[in-house]
N, C-alpha and C. Protein backbone atom coordinates (compact mmCIF):
# COMPACT_ATOMS: atom_id res chain seq x y z
N MET A 1 -26.59 -11.45 -16.90
CA MET A 1 -25.26 -11.94 -17.24
C MET A 1 -24.33 -11.69 -16.06
N SER A 2 -23.81 -12.75 -15.48
CA SER A 2 -22.92 -12.60 -14.33
C SER A 2 -21.47 -12.59 -14.80
N ARG A 3 -20.69 -11.83 -14.10
CA ARG A 3 -19.26 -11.75 -14.43
C ARG A 3 -18.49 -12.56 -13.41
N GLN A 4 -17.66 -13.45 -13.89
CA GLN A 4 -16.82 -14.24 -13.02
C GLN A 4 -15.41 -13.68 -13.06
N LYS A 5 -14.72 -13.84 -11.93
CA LYS A 5 -13.33 -13.42 -11.89
C LYS A 5 -12.49 -14.42 -12.66
N SER A 6 -11.53 -13.92 -13.41
CA SER A 6 -10.60 -14.84 -14.04
C SER A 6 -9.60 -15.31 -12.99
N ILE A 7 -8.95 -16.37 -13.26
CA ILE A 7 -8.13 -17.01 -12.24
C ILE A 7 -6.77 -16.33 -12.07
N VAL A 8 -6.01 -16.17 -13.14
CA VAL A 8 -4.61 -15.77 -12.99
C VAL A 8 -4.31 -14.49 -13.76
N SER A 9 -3.49 -13.65 -13.13
CA SER A 9 -2.93 -12.47 -13.77
C SER A 9 -1.44 -12.43 -13.44
N LYS A 10 -0.68 -11.64 -14.17
CA LYS A 10 0.77 -11.57 -13.95
C LYS A 10 1.21 -10.13 -13.78
N ILE A 11 2.23 -9.95 -12.93
CA ILE A 11 2.84 -8.65 -12.70
C ILE A 11 4.32 -8.88 -12.41
N GLN A 12 5.17 -7.89 -12.66
CA GLN A 12 6.60 -8.04 -12.45
C GLN A 12 7.11 -7.05 -11.41
N VAL A 13 8.10 -7.50 -10.62
CA VAL A 13 8.81 -6.63 -9.70
C VAL A 13 10.09 -6.19 -10.40
N GLY A 14 10.24 -4.91 -10.61
CA GLY A 14 11.41 -4.38 -11.29
C GLY A 14 12.48 -3.96 -10.32
N LYS A 15 13.38 -3.10 -10.79
CA LYS A 15 14.52 -2.70 -9.96
C LYS A 15 14.14 -1.80 -8.80
N ASN A 16 12.92 -1.22 -8.81
CA ASN A 16 12.48 -0.41 -7.67
C ASN A 16 12.00 -1.25 -6.51
N GLY A 17 11.76 -2.53 -6.73
CA GLY A 17 11.33 -3.43 -5.66
C GLY A 17 9.85 -3.25 -5.34
N ILE A 18 9.49 -3.53 -4.09
CA ILE A 18 8.11 -3.44 -3.64
C ILE A 18 7.85 -2.02 -3.14
N THR A 19 7.07 -1.27 -3.89
CA THR A 19 6.75 0.10 -3.52
C THR A 19 5.26 0.20 -3.23
N LYS A 20 4.83 1.35 -2.72
CA LYS A 20 3.41 1.58 -2.45
C LYS A 20 2.61 1.49 -3.75
N ASN A 21 3.16 2.04 -4.82
CA ASN A 21 2.50 1.98 -6.11
C ASN A 21 2.34 0.54 -6.60
N PHE A 22 3.36 -0.29 -6.36
CA PHE A 22 3.28 -1.70 -6.74
C PHE A 22 2.16 -2.41 -5.98
N ILE A 23 2.06 -2.15 -4.68
CA ILE A 23 1.01 -2.76 -3.84
C ILE A 23 -0.37 -2.30 -4.29
N ASP A 24 -0.51 -1.01 -4.62
CA ASP A 24 -1.80 -0.50 -5.11
C ASP A 24 -2.19 -1.17 -6.42
N THR A 25 -1.22 -1.36 -7.32
CA THR A 25 -1.49 -2.04 -8.58
C THR A 25 -1.88 -3.49 -8.33
N LEU A 26 -1.20 -4.14 -7.40
CA LEU A 26 -1.51 -5.52 -7.06
C LEU A 26 -2.94 -5.65 -6.51
N ARG A 27 -3.31 -4.72 -5.65
CA ARG A 27 -4.68 -4.72 -5.11
C ARG A 27 -5.72 -4.56 -6.23
N SER A 28 -5.42 -3.71 -7.20
CA SER A 28 -6.36 -3.51 -8.31
C SER A 28 -6.48 -4.78 -9.15
N TYR A 29 -5.40 -5.55 -9.27
CA TYR A 29 -5.46 -6.82 -10.00
C TYR A 29 -6.41 -7.79 -9.31
N PHE A 30 -6.44 -7.75 -7.97
CA PHE A 30 -7.28 -8.68 -7.22
C PHE A 30 -8.77 -8.34 -7.32
N LYS A 31 -9.11 -7.21 -7.90
CA LYS A 31 -10.53 -6.90 -8.13
C LYS A 31 -11.09 -7.77 -9.25
N LYS A 32 -10.22 -8.24 -10.15
CA LYS A 32 -10.67 -9.05 -11.28
C LYS A 32 -10.11 -10.47 -11.28
N HIS A 33 -9.10 -10.74 -10.45
CA HIS A 33 -8.44 -12.03 -10.45
C HIS A 33 -8.32 -12.57 -9.02
N THR A 34 -8.29 -13.90 -8.88
CA THR A 34 -8.13 -14.49 -7.55
C THR A 34 -6.68 -14.87 -7.27
N ILE A 35 -5.91 -15.10 -8.34
CA ILE A 35 -4.50 -15.46 -8.19
C ILE A 35 -3.67 -14.52 -9.07
N VAL A 36 -2.57 -14.00 -8.49
CA VAL A 36 -1.66 -13.16 -9.26
C VAL A 36 -0.25 -13.75 -9.14
N LYS A 37 0.38 -13.94 -10.29
CA LYS A 37 1.77 -14.40 -10.31
C LYS A 37 2.67 -13.18 -10.39
N VAL A 38 3.55 -13.06 -9.40
CA VAL A 38 4.50 -11.94 -9.34
C VAL A 38 5.87 -12.48 -9.74
N SER A 39 6.39 -12.00 -10.86
CA SER A 39 7.71 -12.41 -11.32
C SER A 39 8.74 -11.39 -10.85
N VAL A 40 9.78 -11.89 -10.19
CA VAL A 40 10.88 -11.02 -9.76
C VAL A 40 11.93 -11.08 -10.86
N LEU A 41 12.18 -9.93 -11.48
CA LEU A 41 13.13 -9.88 -12.59
C LEU A 41 14.55 -10.18 -12.11
N LYS A 42 15.30 -10.86 -12.94
CA LYS A 42 16.65 -11.28 -12.56
C LYS A 42 17.58 -10.10 -12.31
N ASN A 43 17.40 -9.00 -13.06
CA ASN A 43 18.27 -7.84 -12.83
C ASN A 43 18.02 -7.21 -11.46
N ASN A 44 16.89 -7.51 -10.86
CA ASN A 44 16.59 -7.03 -9.51
C ASN A 44 17.34 -7.86 -8.47
N LEU A 45 17.75 -9.06 -8.82
CA LEU A 45 18.39 -9.98 -7.87
C LEU A 45 19.90 -10.10 -8.06
N GLU A 46 20.46 -9.41 -9.04
CA GLU A 46 21.88 -9.58 -9.36
C GLU A 46 22.82 -9.25 -8.20
N GLU A 47 22.47 -8.26 -7.40
CA GLU A 47 23.38 -7.83 -6.34
C GLU A 47 23.32 -8.69 -5.08
N PHE A 48 22.41 -9.66 -5.03
CA PHE A 48 22.25 -10.49 -3.84
C PHE A 48 22.84 -11.88 -4.07
N ASP A 49 23.54 -12.39 -3.03
CA ASP A 49 24.13 -13.73 -3.14
C ASP A 49 23.05 -14.80 -3.04
N ASN A 50 22.15 -14.66 -2.06
CA ASN A 50 21.10 -15.65 -1.85
C ASN A 50 19.81 -15.14 -2.50
N LYS A 51 19.63 -15.46 -3.76
CA LYS A 51 18.49 -14.94 -4.52
C LYS A 51 17.15 -15.49 -4.01
N LYS A 52 17.13 -16.75 -3.60
CA LYS A 52 15.89 -17.34 -3.10
C LYS A 52 15.44 -16.65 -1.81
N GLU A 53 16.38 -16.29 -0.99
CA GLU A 53 16.05 -15.61 0.26
C GLU A 53 15.47 -14.22 -0.02
N LYS A 54 15.99 -13.53 -1.02
CA LYS A 54 15.47 -12.21 -1.39
C LYS A 54 14.06 -12.32 -1.95
N VAL A 55 13.79 -13.35 -2.75
CA VAL A 55 12.43 -13.57 -3.27
C VAL A 55 11.48 -13.84 -2.11
N LYS A 56 11.94 -14.61 -1.12
CA LYS A 56 11.12 -14.89 0.08
C LYS A 56 10.85 -13.59 0.85
N GLU A 57 11.84 -12.71 0.94
CA GLU A 57 11.64 -11.41 1.61
C GLU A 57 10.59 -10.59 0.87
N TYR A 58 10.64 -10.59 -0.45
CA TYR A 58 9.62 -9.89 -1.24
C TYR A 58 8.23 -10.46 -0.96
N SER A 59 8.15 -11.78 -0.89
CA SER A 59 6.88 -12.45 -0.62
C SER A 59 6.32 -12.01 0.75
N ASP A 60 7.18 -12.00 1.76
CA ASP A 60 6.76 -11.58 3.11
C ASP A 60 6.32 -10.13 3.11
N LYS A 61 7.03 -9.28 2.39
CA LYS A 61 6.69 -7.85 2.32
C LYS A 61 5.32 -7.65 1.64
N ILE A 62 5.09 -8.39 0.55
CA ILE A 62 3.81 -8.29 -0.15
C ILE A 62 2.67 -8.71 0.77
N LEU A 63 2.84 -9.83 1.47
CA LEU A 63 1.78 -10.32 2.36
C LEU A 63 1.52 -9.36 3.52
N SER A 64 2.57 -8.78 4.08
CA SER A 64 2.37 -7.85 5.20
C SER A 64 1.66 -6.58 4.74
N ASP A 65 1.92 -6.16 3.50
CA ASP A 65 1.25 -4.96 2.99
C ASP A 65 -0.19 -5.22 2.54
N LEU A 66 -0.47 -6.42 2.06
CA LEU A 66 -1.82 -6.73 1.56
C LEU A 66 -2.81 -7.04 2.68
N GLY A 67 -2.40 -7.80 3.68
CA GLY A 67 -3.31 -8.14 4.77
C GLY A 67 -3.43 -9.64 4.97
N LYS A 68 -4.34 -10.04 5.87
CA LYS A 68 -4.43 -11.44 6.29
C LYS A 68 -5.29 -12.31 5.38
N SER A 69 -5.94 -11.75 4.39
CA SER A 69 -6.77 -12.54 3.49
C SER A 69 -5.98 -13.07 2.30
N TYR A 70 -4.67 -12.98 2.34
CA TYR A 70 -3.82 -13.38 1.22
C TYR A 70 -2.80 -14.40 1.68
N THR A 71 -2.47 -15.34 0.80
CA THR A 71 -1.39 -16.29 1.05
C THR A 71 -0.47 -16.29 -0.16
N SER A 72 0.74 -16.82 0.03
CA SER A 72 1.67 -16.86 -1.10
C SER A 72 2.49 -18.14 -1.07
N ARG A 73 3.08 -18.40 -2.24
CA ARG A 73 3.97 -19.54 -2.41
C ARG A 73 5.04 -19.09 -3.39
N THR A 74 6.28 -19.45 -3.14
CA THR A 74 7.34 -19.06 -4.05
C THR A 74 7.84 -20.28 -4.82
N ILE A 75 8.01 -20.10 -6.12
CA ILE A 75 8.57 -21.13 -6.98
C ILE A 75 9.62 -20.44 -7.85
N GLY A 76 10.88 -20.69 -7.55
CA GLY A 76 11.96 -20.03 -8.28
C GLY A 76 11.92 -18.53 -8.06
N HIS A 77 11.82 -17.75 -9.13
CA HIS A 77 11.75 -16.29 -9.02
C HIS A 77 10.31 -15.79 -9.14
N THR A 78 9.35 -16.68 -8.92
CA THR A 78 7.94 -16.32 -9.03
C THR A 78 7.25 -16.47 -7.69
N ILE A 79 6.45 -15.47 -7.34
CA ILE A 79 5.65 -15.49 -6.12
C ILE A 79 4.19 -15.59 -6.56
N ILE A 80 3.51 -16.63 -6.11
CA ILE A 80 2.10 -16.81 -6.45
C ILE A 80 1.28 -16.35 -5.25
N VAL A 81 0.50 -15.30 -5.43
CA VAL A 81 -0.29 -14.71 -4.36
C VAL A 81 -1.76 -15.02 -4.63
N GLN A 82 -2.44 -15.51 -3.59
CA GLN A 82 -3.85 -15.85 -3.73
C GLN A 82 -4.68 -15.10 -2.71
N LYS A 83 -5.84 -14.63 -3.14
CA LYS A 83 -6.76 -13.92 -2.25
C LYS A 83 -7.87 -14.88 -1.83
N TRP A 84 -8.19 -14.86 -0.54
CA TRP A 84 -9.24 -15.68 0.03
C TRP A 84 -10.37 -14.80 0.55
N ARG A 85 -11.54 -15.36 0.69
CA ARG A 85 -12.67 -14.60 1.22
C ARG A 85 -12.50 -14.32 2.70
N LYS A 86 -11.95 -15.28 3.44
CA LYS A 86 -11.75 -15.13 4.87
C LYS A 86 -10.25 -15.06 5.17
N GLU A 87 -9.92 -14.59 6.36
CA GLU A 87 -8.52 -14.49 6.75
C GLU A 87 -7.92 -15.89 6.86
N LYS A 88 -6.75 -16.07 6.30
CA LYS A 88 -6.06 -17.36 6.31
C LYS A 88 -4.80 -17.35 7.18
N ARG A 89 -4.31 -16.17 7.50
CA ARG A 89 -3.08 -16.13 8.29
C ARG A 89 -3.37 -15.52 9.64
């Protein structure tokens, strides 16, 4: 019986932002999933005028911490992170 990875999982960025613990949790999600949707909570963005730019900064921070085998795309307050077998960036 072979086990296949499920496609999508979800995680949220709270008021603490991107921490080492958050990145470790995200890495553990990628052991079972190929795509993780990261939702940035609105209360985390209240103090910023340009909310889309802050979400993009979070996306860049996540990718720099995870490594070159990951890509991301932002849609609204959601960051979709995908893991690849080979380096994509």
